[in-house]
């Protein structure tokens, strides 16, 4: 079974940038849909960005600041996060239509 491993989280100042990566242990080329979700303490997990074979979808809270992309040759999903805000702090998880959830990577944003 293909597994996902997220990386790239950390502590950043407000306004800063981070790039998250989600490496798959096998091929993701057959995954029609991949996505990034996040979960802040005491809140439900929410969709941040989704990429399909036809389009990308962003939540209103990150639109214009975050960019999702994938590299099938490297079996990796990315999330470029710019203009980070304190409210973006959460554990970020990647998901695909052919795998289970990754373990998550923590993002903290200092104001």
N, C-alpha and C. Protein backbone atom coordinates (compact mmCIF):
# COMPACT_ATOMS: atom_id res chain seq x y z
N UNK A 1 0.84 -1.19 0.00
CA UNK A 1 0.00 0.00 0.00
C UNK A 1 0.88 1.24 0.00
N UNK A 2 0.54 2.20 -0.86
CA UNK A 2 1.30 3.43 -0.93
C UNK A 2 1.04 4.27 0.32
N UNK A 3 2.12 4.77 0.90
CA UNK A 3 2.01 5.62 2.08
C UNK A 3 2.52 7.02 1.77
N UNK A 4 1.99 7.99 2.53
CA UNK A 4 2.35 9.39 2.33
C UNK A 4 3.11 9.91 3.55
N UNK A 5 4.15 10.69 3.30
CA UNK A 5 4.95 11.27 4.38
C UNK A 5 5.11 12.76 4.11
N UNK A 6 4.57 13.58 5.01
CA UNK A 6 4.67 15.02 4.87
C UNK A 6 5.95 15.54 5.52
N UNK A 7 6.45 16.66 4.99
CA UNK A 7 7.61 17.33 5.57
C UNK A 7 7.56 18.80 5.19
N UNK A 8 8.44 19.59 5.82
CA UNK A 8 8.54 20.99 5.47
C UNK A 8 7.90 21.95 6.44
N UNK A 9 7.22 21.42 7.44
CA UNK A 9 6.62 22.29 8.43
C UNK A 9 7.67 22.92 9.33
N UNK A 10 7.23 23.86 10.15
CA UNK A 10 8.14 24.51 11.07
C UNK A 10 7.53 25.79 11.59
N UNK A 11 8.39 26.60 12.22
CA UNK A 11 7.97 27.88 12.77
C UNK A 11 8.42 28.99 11.83
N UNK A 12 7.51 29.89 11.52
CA UNK A 12 7.82 31.00 10.62
C UNK A 12 7.14 32.26 11.15
N UNK A 13 7.73 33.40 10.85
CA UNK A 13 7.12 34.67 11.21
C UNK A 13 5.93 34.97 10.30
N UNK A 14 4.98 35.70 10.82
CA UNK A 14 3.84 36.11 9.99
C UNK A 14 4.35 36.85 8.75
N UNK A 15 3.75 36.52 7.63
CA UNK A 15 4.20 37.08 6.37
C UNK A 15 5.23 36.24 5.66
N UNK A 16 5.76 35.26 6.33
CA UNK A 16 6.77 34.41 5.75
C UNK A 16 6.20 33.30 4.88
N UNK A 17 7.10 32.42 4.43
CA UNK A 17 6.72 31.35 3.51
C UNK A 17 7.26 30.00 3.96
N UNK A 18 6.55 28.98 3.59
CA UNK A 18 7.00 27.60 3.77
C UNK A 18 6.55 26.79 2.56
N UNK A 19 7.30 25.74 2.25
CA UNK A 19 6.85 24.80 1.23
C UNK A 19 6.75 23.42 1.85
N UNK A 20 5.56 22.90 1.86
CA UNK A 20 5.33 21.56 2.36
C UNK A 20 5.48 20.56 1.23
N UNK A 21 6.00 19.39 1.57
CA UNK A 21 6.11 18.30 0.60
C UNK A 21 5.42 17.07 1.16
N UNK A 22 4.89 16.28 0.28
CA UNK A 22 4.24 15.02 0.65
C UNK A 22 4.79 13.96 -0.30
N UNK A 23 5.67 13.13 0.23
CA UNK A 23 6.31 12.11 -0.58
C UNK A 23 5.56 10.80 -0.46
N UNK A 24 5.26 10.20 -1.58
CA UNK A 24 4.57 8.91 -1.60
C UNK A 24 5.59 7.79 -1.75
N UNK A 25 5.32 6.66 -1.11
CA UNK A 25 6.24 5.52 -1.17
C UNK A 25 6.13 4.76 -2.48
N UNK A 26 5.14 5.12 -3.28
CA UNK A 26 4.97 4.49 -4.58
C UNK A 26 4.39 5.49 -5.56
N UNK A 27 3.99 4.99 -6.69
CA UNK A 27 3.49 5.87 -7.74
C UNK A 27 2.17 6.52 -7.36
N UNK A 28 2.06 7.81 -7.67
CA UNK A 28 0.81 8.53 -7.46
C UNK A 28 0.15 8.90 -8.78
N UNK A 29 0.69 8.43 -9.86
CA UNK A 29 0.19 8.84 -11.17
C UNK A 29 -1.27 8.43 -11.38
N UNK A 30 -1.72 7.39 -10.69
CA UNK A 30 -3.11 6.96 -10.85
C UNK A 30 -4.07 7.69 -9.91
N UNK A 31 -3.55 8.56 -9.06
CA UNK A 31 -4.40 9.30 -8.13
C UNK A 31 -5.06 10.46 -8.86
N UNK A 32 -6.36 10.35 -9.07
CA UNK A 32 -7.07 11.44 -9.75
C UNK A 32 -7.07 12.72 -8.93
N UNK A 33 -7.13 12.57 -7.64
CA UNK A 33 -7.23 13.71 -6.75
C UNK A 33 -6.23 13.60 -5.61
N UNK A 34 -5.58 14.71 -5.33
CA UNK A 34 -4.73 14.82 -4.14
C UNK A 34 -5.06 16.14 -3.47
N UNK A 35 -4.81 16.20 -2.17
CA UNK A 35 -5.23 17.39 -1.44
C UNK A 35 -4.38 17.60 -0.20
N UNK A 36 -4.41 18.82 0.27
CA UNK A 36 -3.86 19.19 1.57
C UNK A 36 -5.02 19.60 2.47
N UNK A 37 -4.98 19.11 3.68
CA UNK A 37 -5.92 19.48 4.72
C UNK A 37 -5.12 20.01 5.92
N UNK A 38 -5.80 20.67 6.80
CA UNK A 38 -5.16 21.10 8.04
C UNK A 38 -6.13 20.99 9.20
N UNK A 39 -5.54 20.85 10.37
CA UNK A 39 -6.35 20.76 11.58
C UNK A 39 -5.66 21.53 12.69
N UNK A 40 -6.34 22.56 13.16
CA UNK A 40 -5.85 23.35 14.29
C UNK A 40 -6.42 22.76 15.58
N UNK A 41 -5.78 23.01 16.71
CA UNK A 41 -6.27 22.47 17.98
C UNK A 41 -7.72 22.87 18.25
N UNK A 42 -8.54 21.88 18.58
CA UNK A 42 -9.94 22.15 18.90
C UNK A 42 -10.83 22.39 17.71
N UNK A 43 -10.27 22.24 16.50
CA UNK A 43 -11.07 22.48 15.30
C UNK A 43 -11.13 21.24 14.43
N UNK A 44 -12.09 21.21 13.53
CA UNK A 44 -12.20 20.09 12.61
C UNK A 44 -11.17 20.20 11.51
N UNK A 45 -10.81 19.06 10.95
CA UNK A 45 -9.91 19.06 9.81
C UNK A 45 -10.62 19.71 8.63
N UNK A 46 -9.91 20.60 7.94
CA UNK A 46 -10.51 21.32 6.83
C UNK A 46 -9.65 21.22 5.58
N UNK A 47 -10.30 21.24 4.44
CA UNK A 47 -9.60 21.20 3.17
C UNK A 47 -8.93 22.54 2.93
N UNK A 48 -7.69 22.50 2.52
CA UNK A 48 -6.93 23.71 2.18
C UNK A 48 -6.83 23.88 0.67
N UNK A 49 -6.43 22.81 0.00
CA UNK A 49 -6.23 22.87 -1.44
C UNK A 49 -6.35 21.47 -2.03
N UNK A 50 -6.93 21.40 -3.20
CA UNK A 50 -7.13 20.14 -3.90
C UNK A 50 -6.64 20.27 -5.33
N UNK A 51 -6.03 19.22 -5.83
CA UNK A 51 -5.59 19.21 -7.23
C UNK A 51 -6.13 17.95 -7.88
N UNK A 52 -6.80 18.14 -9.01
CA UNK A 52 -7.28 17.02 -9.80
C UNK A 52 -6.58 17.06 -11.15
N UNK A 53 -6.99 16.16 -12.03
CA UNK A 53 -6.39 16.16 -13.36
C UNK A 53 -6.82 17.37 -14.16
N UNK A 54 -7.86 18.06 -13.70
CA UNK A 54 -8.42 19.16 -14.49
C UNK A 54 -8.27 20.52 -13.85
N UNK A 55 -8.17 20.58 -12.54
CA UNK A 55 -8.18 21.91 -11.90
C UNK A 55 -7.62 21.84 -10.49
N UNK A 56 -7.45 23.02 -9.93
CA UNK A 56 -7.08 23.16 -8.53
C UNK A 56 -8.19 23.93 -7.82
N UNK A 57 -8.36 23.61 -6.56
CA UNK A 57 -9.41 24.23 -5.75
C UNK A 57 -8.78 24.67 -4.43
N UNK A 58 -9.09 25.86 -4.02
CA UNK A 58 -8.55 26.39 -2.76
C UNK A 58 -9.69 26.84 -1.85
N UNK A 59 -9.44 26.71 -0.56
CA UNK A 59 -10.38 27.30 0.37
C UNK A 59 -10.26 28.81 0.29
N UNK A 60 -11.31 29.50 0.62
CA UNK A 60 -11.30 30.96 0.54
C UNK A 60 -10.25 31.57 1.46
N UNK A 61 -9.93 30.88 2.54
CA UNK A 61 -8.99 31.43 3.51
C UNK A 61 -7.54 31.44 3.01
N UNK A 62 -7.23 30.65 1.98
CA UNK A 62 -5.85 30.59 1.50
C UNK A 62 -5.71 31.00 0.05
N UNK A 63 -6.82 31.24 -0.61
CA UNK A 63 -6.79 31.57 -2.04
C UNK A 63 -5.92 32.80 -2.28
N UNK A 64 -5.04 32.70 -3.24
CA UNK A 64 -4.14 33.80 -3.56
C UNK A 64 -2.83 33.79 -2.78
N UNK A 65 -2.76 32.94 -1.75
CA UNK A 65 -1.54 32.85 -0.95
C UNK A 65 -0.86 31.49 -1.06
N UNK A 66 -1.65 30.44 -1.20
CA UNK A 66 -1.12 29.08 -1.27
C UNK A 66 -1.23 28.55 -2.70
N UNK A 67 -0.29 27.67 -3.05
CA UNK A 67 -0.32 27.02 -4.36
C UNK A 67 -0.05 25.54 -4.18
N UNK A 68 -0.95 24.72 -4.69
CA UNK A 68 -0.77 23.28 -4.67
C UNK A 68 -0.23 22.82 -6.02
N UNK A 69 0.66 21.84 -5.97
CA UNK A 69 1.20 21.28 -7.21
C UNK A 69 1.62 19.84 -6.94
N UNK A 70 1.85 19.11 -7.99
CA UNK A 70 2.29 17.73 -7.85
C UNK A 70 3.32 17.41 -8.93
N UNK A 71 4.21 16.51 -8.62
CA UNK A 71 5.21 16.04 -9.55
C UNK A 71 5.10 14.52 -9.57
N UNK A 72 4.44 14.00 -10.57
CA UNK A 72 4.22 12.55 -10.63
C UNK A 72 5.54 11.78 -10.80
N UNK A 73 6.49 12.38 -11.49
CA UNK A 73 7.78 11.72 -11.69
C UNK A 73 8.51 11.51 -10.36
N UNK A 74 8.27 12.43 -9.42
CA UNK A 74 8.90 12.33 -8.10
C UNK A 74 7.93 11.78 -7.05
N UNK A 75 6.73 11.46 -7.46
CA UNK A 75 5.71 10.95 -6.54
C UNK A 75 5.53 11.87 -5.34
N UNK A 76 5.44 13.16 -5.62
CA UNK A 76 5.40 14.14 -4.55
C UNK A 76 4.33 15.20 -4.80
N UNK A 77 3.65 15.56 -3.72
CA UNK A 77 2.69 16.65 -3.72
C UNK A 77 3.29 17.80 -2.93
N UNK A 78 3.03 19.03 -3.38
CA UNK A 78 3.60 20.20 -2.72
C UNK A 78 2.51 21.18 -2.32
N UNK A 79 2.84 22.00 -1.33
CA UNK A 79 2.00 23.14 -0.99
C UNK A 79 2.92 24.31 -0.69
N UNK A 80 2.95 25.28 -1.59
CA UNK A 80 3.72 26.50 -1.38
C UNK A 80 2.82 27.47 -0.62
N UNK A 81 3.27 27.90 0.53
CA UNK A 81 2.48 28.78 1.38
C UNK A 81 3.20 30.11 1.54
N UNK A 82 2.61 31.17 1.05
CA UNK A 82 3.17 32.51 1.15
C UNK A 82 2.24 33.38 1.99
N UNK A 83 2.79 34.46 2.52
CA UNK A 83 1.96 35.37 3.30
C UNK A 83 1.30 34.70 4.47
N UNK A 84 2.04 33.87 5.18
CA UNK A 84 1.45 33.10 6.27
C UNK A 84 0.93 34.00 7.39
N UNK A 85 -0.18 33.59 7.95
CA UNK A 85 -0.85 34.31 9.02
C UNK A 85 -0.91 33.42 10.26
N UNK A 86 -1.04 33.99 11.44
CA UNK A 86 -1.14 33.16 12.64
C UNK A 86 -2.28 32.14 12.56
N UNK A 87 -3.35 32.50 11.88
CA UNK A 87 -4.49 31.58 11.76
C UNK A 87 -4.22 30.41 10.82
N UNK A 88 -3.09 30.42 10.13
CA UNK A 88 -2.71 29.28 9.29
C UNK A 88 -2.02 28.18 10.11
N UNK A 89 -1.72 28.46 11.36
CA UNK A 89 -1.05 27.47 12.20
C UNK A 89 -1.93 26.24 12.40
N UNK A 90 -1.37 25.08 12.15
CA UNK A 90 -2.13 23.83 12.23
C UNK A 90 -1.20 22.67 11.90
N UNK A 91 -1.72 21.47 12.04
CA UNK A 91 -1.05 20.30 11.48
C UNK A 91 -1.60 20.11 10.07
N UNK A 92 -0.70 20.02 9.11
CA UNK A 92 -1.09 19.88 7.72
C UNK A 92 -0.92 18.43 7.28
N UNK A 93 -1.96 17.93 6.64
CA UNK A 93 -1.98 16.54 6.19
C UNK A 93 -2.18 16.49 4.68
N UNK A 94 -1.55 15.52 4.04
CA UNK A 94 -1.86 15.30 2.64
C UNK A 94 -2.72 14.04 2.51
N UNK A 95 -3.42 14.01 1.42
CA UNK A 95 -4.39 12.94 1.15
C UNK A 95 -4.41 12.68 -0.34
N UNK A 96 -4.64 11.45 -0.71
CA UNK A 96 -4.84 11.16 -2.12
C UNK A 96 -5.98 10.15 -2.26
N UNK A 97 -6.51 10.06 -3.44
CA UNK A 97 -7.63 9.16 -3.71
C UNK A 97 -7.22 7.69 -3.73
N UNK A 98 -5.91 7.41 -3.61
CA UNK A 98 -5.46 6.01 -3.64
C UNK A 98 -4.71 5.61 -2.38
N UNK A 99 -4.66 6.50 -1.39
CA UNK A 99 -3.92 6.18 -0.17
C UNK A 99 -4.71 6.59 1.07
N UNK A 100 -4.16 6.27 2.22
CA UNK A 100 -4.71 6.79 3.47
C UNK A 100 -3.99 8.10 3.80
N UNK A 101 -4.32 8.69 4.93
CA UNK A 101 -3.71 9.95 5.33
C UNK A 101 -2.22 9.79 5.68
N UNK A 102 -1.49 10.89 5.48
CA UNK A 102 -0.14 10.96 6.00
C UNK A 102 -0.20 11.27 7.49
N UNK A 103 0.98 11.36 8.13
CA UNK A 103 1.01 11.57 9.58
C UNK A 103 0.93 13.04 9.96
N UNK A 104 1.12 13.92 9.00
CA UNK A 104 1.00 15.35 9.25
C UNK A 104 2.32 16.02 9.54
N UNK A 105 2.37 17.33 9.29
CA UNK A 105 3.53 18.15 9.60
C UNK A 105 3.01 19.45 10.23
N UNK A 106 3.67 19.86 11.30
CA UNK A 106 3.20 21.00 12.08
C UNK A 106 3.69 22.31 11.48
N UNK A 107 2.78 23.26 11.36
CA UNK A 107 3.11 24.61 10.93
C UNK A 107 2.72 25.57 12.05
N UNK A 108 3.68 26.38 12.48
CA UNK A 108 3.43 27.38 13.50
C UNK A 108 3.79 28.75 12.92
N UNK A 109 2.99 29.75 13.21
CA UNK A 109 3.21 31.09 12.67
C UNK A 109 3.23 32.08 13.82
N UNK A 110 4.36 32.75 13.98
CA UNK A 110 4.52 33.72 15.06
C UNK A 110 4.06 35.09 14.58
N UNK A 111 3.30 35.76 15.42
CA UNK A 111 2.80 37.10 15.04
C UNK A 111 3.79 38.18 15.43
